[in-house]
Amino acid sequence: MALLPDIRPIEEPLAELERLIIDDFVRGAGHDPSTIHGRTDAASKQLLANAATFAAGRLAEVEARMHYLRKLHGQE
């Protein structure tokens, strides 16, 4: 199968926002996001799990607000 360099893979609509929230959480805990993802110790795994949980909550909030605004404007 040939790779098409100018076609980006399909991604969830809020995936980039999720990555930014996780990176911000990691920075807030005093760590560098670029290095924490490569670590395998228990503390870094726990930090990433906490960051993912936090991001899931924030994304749920964003999605709820989007739904509310669409409903308010008669788009749903």
N, C-alpha and C. Protein backbone atom coordinates (compact mmCIF):
# COMPACT_ATOMS: atom_id res chain seq x y z
N MET A 1 0.83 -1.17 0.00
CA MET A 1 0.00 0.00 0.00
C MET A 1 0.88 1.24 0.00
N ALA A 2 0.65 2.14 -0.91
CA ALA A 2 1.46 3.35 -1.03
C ALA A 2 1.02 4.38 0.00
N LEU A 3 2.01 5.07 0.57
CA LEU A 3 1.71 6.14 1.51
C LEU A 3 1.49 7.43 0.74
N LEU A 4 0.48 8.16 1.13
CA LEU A 4 0.18 9.44 0.50
C LEU A 4 0.56 10.55 1.47
N PRO A 5 1.70 11.21 1.23
CA PRO A 5 2.22 12.17 2.21
C PRO A 5 1.35 13.40 2.41
N ASP A 6 0.53 13.77 1.42
CA ASP A 6 -0.26 14.99 1.56
C ASP A 6 -1.64 14.74 2.17
N ILE A 7 -1.95 13.50 2.53
CA ILE A 7 -3.22 13.16 3.16
C ILE A 7 -2.97 12.82 4.62
N ARG A 8 -3.61 13.59 5.50
CA ARG A 8 -3.45 13.36 6.93
C ARG A 8 -4.40 12.27 7.40
N PRO A 9 -4.00 11.47 8.38
CA PRO A 9 -4.90 10.44 8.90
C PRO A 9 -6.11 11.06 9.59
N ILE A 10 -7.21 10.34 9.56
CA ILE A 10 -8.43 10.82 10.21
C ILE A 10 -8.21 10.79 11.73
N GLU A 11 -8.66 11.84 12.38
CA GLU A 11 -8.46 11.98 13.81
C GLU A 11 -9.76 12.45 14.46
N GLU A 12 -9.95 12.11 15.68
CA GLU A 12 -11.12 12.58 16.42
C GLU A 12 -11.12 14.11 16.42
N PRO A 13 -12.29 14.73 16.35
CA PRO A 13 -12.36 16.19 16.26
C PRO A 13 -11.68 16.94 17.41
N LEU A 14 -11.71 16.39 18.60
CA LEU A 14 -11.14 17.09 19.76
C LEU A 14 -9.81 16.50 20.22
N ALA A 15 -9.18 15.69 19.37
CA ALA A 15 -7.94 15.02 19.77
C ALA A 15 -6.82 16.00 20.07
N GLU A 16 -6.68 17.03 19.26
CA GLU A 16 -5.62 18.02 19.49
C GLU A 16 -5.87 18.77 20.80
N LEU A 17 -7.11 19.11 21.07
CA LEU A 17 -7.44 19.77 22.33
C LEU A 17 -7.11 18.87 23.51
N GLU A 18 -7.42 17.58 23.38
CA GLU A 18 -7.11 16.63 24.45
C GLU A 18 -5.60 16.58 24.72
N ARG A 19 -4.79 16.54 23.66
CA ARG A 19 -3.33 16.53 23.83
C ARG A 19 -2.86 17.80 24.52
N LEU A 20 -3.43 18.94 24.16
CA LEU A 20 -3.02 20.20 24.78
C LEU A 20 -3.40 20.24 26.26
N ILE A 21 -4.57 19.73 26.60
CA ILE A 21 -4.99 19.70 28.00
C ILE A 21 -4.08 18.79 28.81
N ILE A 22 -3.74 17.63 28.26
CA ILE A 22 -2.84 16.70 28.96
C ILE A 22 -1.47 17.33 29.15
N ASP A 23 -0.93 17.95 28.09
CA ASP A 23 0.38 18.60 28.21
C ASP A 23 0.36 19.72 29.24
N ASP A 24 -0.72 20.49 29.28
CA ASP A 24 -0.84 21.56 30.27
C ASP A 24 -0.89 21.00 31.68
N PHE A 25 -1.61 19.91 31.87
CA PHE A 25 -1.69 19.25 33.18
C PHE A 25 -0.30 18.78 33.62
N VAL A 26 0.43 18.18 32.70
CA VAL A 26 1.78 17.67 33.01
C VAL A 26 2.71 18.83 33.36
N ARG A 27 2.63 19.92 32.59
CA ARG A 27 3.45 21.10 32.90
C ARG A 27 3.09 21.67 34.27
N GLY A 28 1.80 21.67 34.58
CA GLY A 28 1.34 22.18 35.87
C GLY A 28 1.86 21.35 37.04
N ALA A 29 2.15 20.08 36.76
CA ALA A 29 2.70 19.21 37.79
C ALA A 29 4.22 19.33 37.87
N GLY A 30 4.80 20.22 37.03
CA GLY A 30 6.24 20.46 37.10
C GLY A 30 7.08 19.55 36.22
N HIS A 31 6.48 18.95 35.21
CA HIS A 31 7.22 18.04 34.33
C HIS A 31 7.16 18.52 32.89
N ASP A 32 8.09 18.04 32.10
CA ASP A 32 8.13 18.38 30.68
C ASP A 32 7.34 17.33 29.90
N PRO A 33 6.29 17.74 29.18
CA PRO A 33 5.47 16.77 28.45
C PRO A 33 6.26 15.95 27.42
N SER A 34 7.29 16.54 26.83
CA SER A 34 8.04 15.80 25.81
C SER A 34 8.86 14.65 26.40
N THR A 35 9.21 14.74 27.68
CA THR A 35 10.00 13.67 28.28
C THR A 35 9.14 12.69 29.10
N ILE A 36 8.03 13.16 29.62
CA ILE A 36 7.20 12.30 30.49
C ILE A 36 6.59 11.14 29.72
N HIS A 37 6.27 11.36 28.43
CA HIS A 37 5.64 10.30 27.63
C HIS A 37 6.60 9.14 27.37
N GLY A 38 7.90 9.37 27.41
CA GLY A 38 8.87 8.31 27.16
C GLY A 38 9.28 7.55 28.40
N ARG A 39 8.88 8.02 29.56
CA ARG A 39 9.27 7.35 30.81
C ARG A 39 8.36 6.17 31.10
N THR A 40 8.88 5.21 31.84
CA THR A 40 8.11 4.00 32.16
C THR A 40 7.94 3.78 33.66
N ASP A 41 8.41 4.72 34.48
CA ASP A 41 8.29 4.53 35.93
C ASP A 41 6.84 4.72 36.37
N ALA A 42 6.53 4.21 37.55
CA ALA A 42 5.17 4.24 38.07
C ALA A 42 4.65 5.66 38.27
N ALA A 43 5.51 6.56 38.71
CA ALA A 43 5.07 7.94 38.97
C ALA A 43 4.64 8.63 37.68
N SER A 44 5.39 8.42 36.61
CA SER A 44 5.02 9.07 35.34
C SER A 44 3.76 8.45 34.76
N LYS A 45 3.60 7.14 34.92
CA LYS A 45 2.37 6.48 34.45
C LYS A 45 1.16 7.00 35.23
N GLN A 46 1.31 7.20 36.52
CA GLN A 46 0.22 7.72 37.34
C GLN A 46 -0.10 9.16 36.95
N LEU A 47 0.93 9.95 36.71
CA LEU A 47 0.72 11.34 36.29
C LEU A 47 -0.04 11.39 34.97
N LEU A 48 0.34 10.56 34.01
CA LEU A 48 -0.35 10.53 32.72
C LEU A 48 -1.78 10.03 32.86
N ALA A 49 -2.01 9.08 33.75
CA ALA A 49 -3.37 8.59 33.99
C ALA A 49 -4.23 9.71 34.59
N ASN A 50 -3.66 10.44 35.54
CA ASN A 50 -4.39 11.58 36.14
C ASN A 50 -4.66 12.66 35.09
N ALA A 51 -3.67 12.91 34.23
CA ALA A 51 -3.84 13.91 33.18
C ALA A 51 -4.93 13.50 32.20
N ALA A 52 -4.97 12.22 31.85
CA ALA A 52 -6.00 11.72 30.93
C ALA A 52 -7.39 11.83 31.55
N THR A 53 -7.50 11.53 32.83
CA THR A 53 -8.78 11.66 33.53
C THR A 53 -9.23 13.11 33.57
N PHE A 54 -8.31 14.01 33.87
CA PHE A 54 -8.62 15.43 33.88
C PHE A 54 -9.06 15.90 32.50
N ALA A 55 -8.34 15.48 31.46
CA ALA A 55 -8.66 15.87 30.09
C ALA A 55 -10.04 15.36 29.68
N ALA A 56 -10.37 14.14 30.08
CA ALA A 56 -11.69 13.58 29.75
C ALA A 56 -12.80 14.42 30.36
N GLY A 57 -12.61 14.87 31.57
CA GLY A 57 -13.60 15.73 32.22
C GLY A 57 -13.74 17.07 31.53
N ARG A 58 -12.63 17.66 31.14
CA ARG A 58 -12.67 18.95 30.45
C ARG A 58 -13.31 18.80 29.07
N LEU A 59 -13.01 17.70 28.36
CA LEU A 59 -13.61 17.48 27.04
C LEU A 59 -15.11 17.26 27.16
N ALA A 60 -15.54 16.58 28.20
CA ALA A 60 -16.98 16.39 28.41
C ALA A 60 -17.65 17.74 28.62
N GLU A 61 -16.99 18.62 29.33
CA GLU A 61 -17.51 19.97 29.55
C GLU A 61 -17.61 20.74 28.23
N VAL A 62 -16.59 20.65 27.41
CA VAL A 62 -16.58 21.33 26.11
C VAL A 62 -17.70 20.78 25.22
N GLU A 63 -17.84 19.46 25.18
CA GLU A 63 -18.88 18.85 24.36
C GLU A 63 -20.28 19.24 24.85
N ALA A 64 -20.47 19.32 26.16
CA ALA A 64 -21.77 19.72 26.70
C ALA A 64 -22.08 21.17 26.32
N ARG A 65 -21.09 22.03 26.36
CA ARG A 65 -21.31 23.42 25.97
C ARG A 65 -21.62 23.53 24.47
N MET A 66 -20.92 22.74 23.66
CA MET A 66 -21.20 22.75 22.21
C MET A 66 -22.63 22.29 21.95
N HIS A 67 -23.05 21.25 22.63
CA HIS A 67 -24.40 20.74 22.47
C HIS A 67 -25.42 21.80 22.88
N TYR A 68 -25.18 22.47 24.00
CA TYR A 68 -26.08 23.51 24.49
C TYR A 68 -26.19 24.65 23.48
N LEU A 69 -25.05 25.09 22.93
CA LEU A 69 -25.07 26.19 21.98
C LEU A 69 -25.77 25.81 20.68
N ARG A 70 -25.55 24.58 20.23
CA ARG A 70 -26.25 24.13 19.01
C ARG A 70 -27.75 24.08 19.24
N LYS A 71 -28.14 23.59 20.40
CA LYS A 71 -29.56 23.51 20.72
C LYS A 71 -30.15 24.91 20.85
N LEU A 72 -29.42 25.82 21.47
CA LEU A 72 -29.86 27.19 21.63
C LEU A 72 -30.09 27.88 20.28
N HIS A 73 -29.24 27.56 19.31
CA HIS A 73 -29.34 28.16 17.99
C HIS A 73 -30.17 27.35 17.00
N GLY A 74 -30.84 26.31 17.51
CA GLY A 74 -31.73 25.50 16.69
C GLY A 74 -31.04 24.62 15.68
N GLN A 75 -29.80 24.24 15.95
CA GLN A 75 -29.05 23.39 15.03
C GLN A 75 -29.20 21.91 15.38
N GLU A 76 -29.89 21.60 16.43
CA GLU A 76 -30.11 20.18 16.82
C GLU A 76 -31.57 19.92 16.97
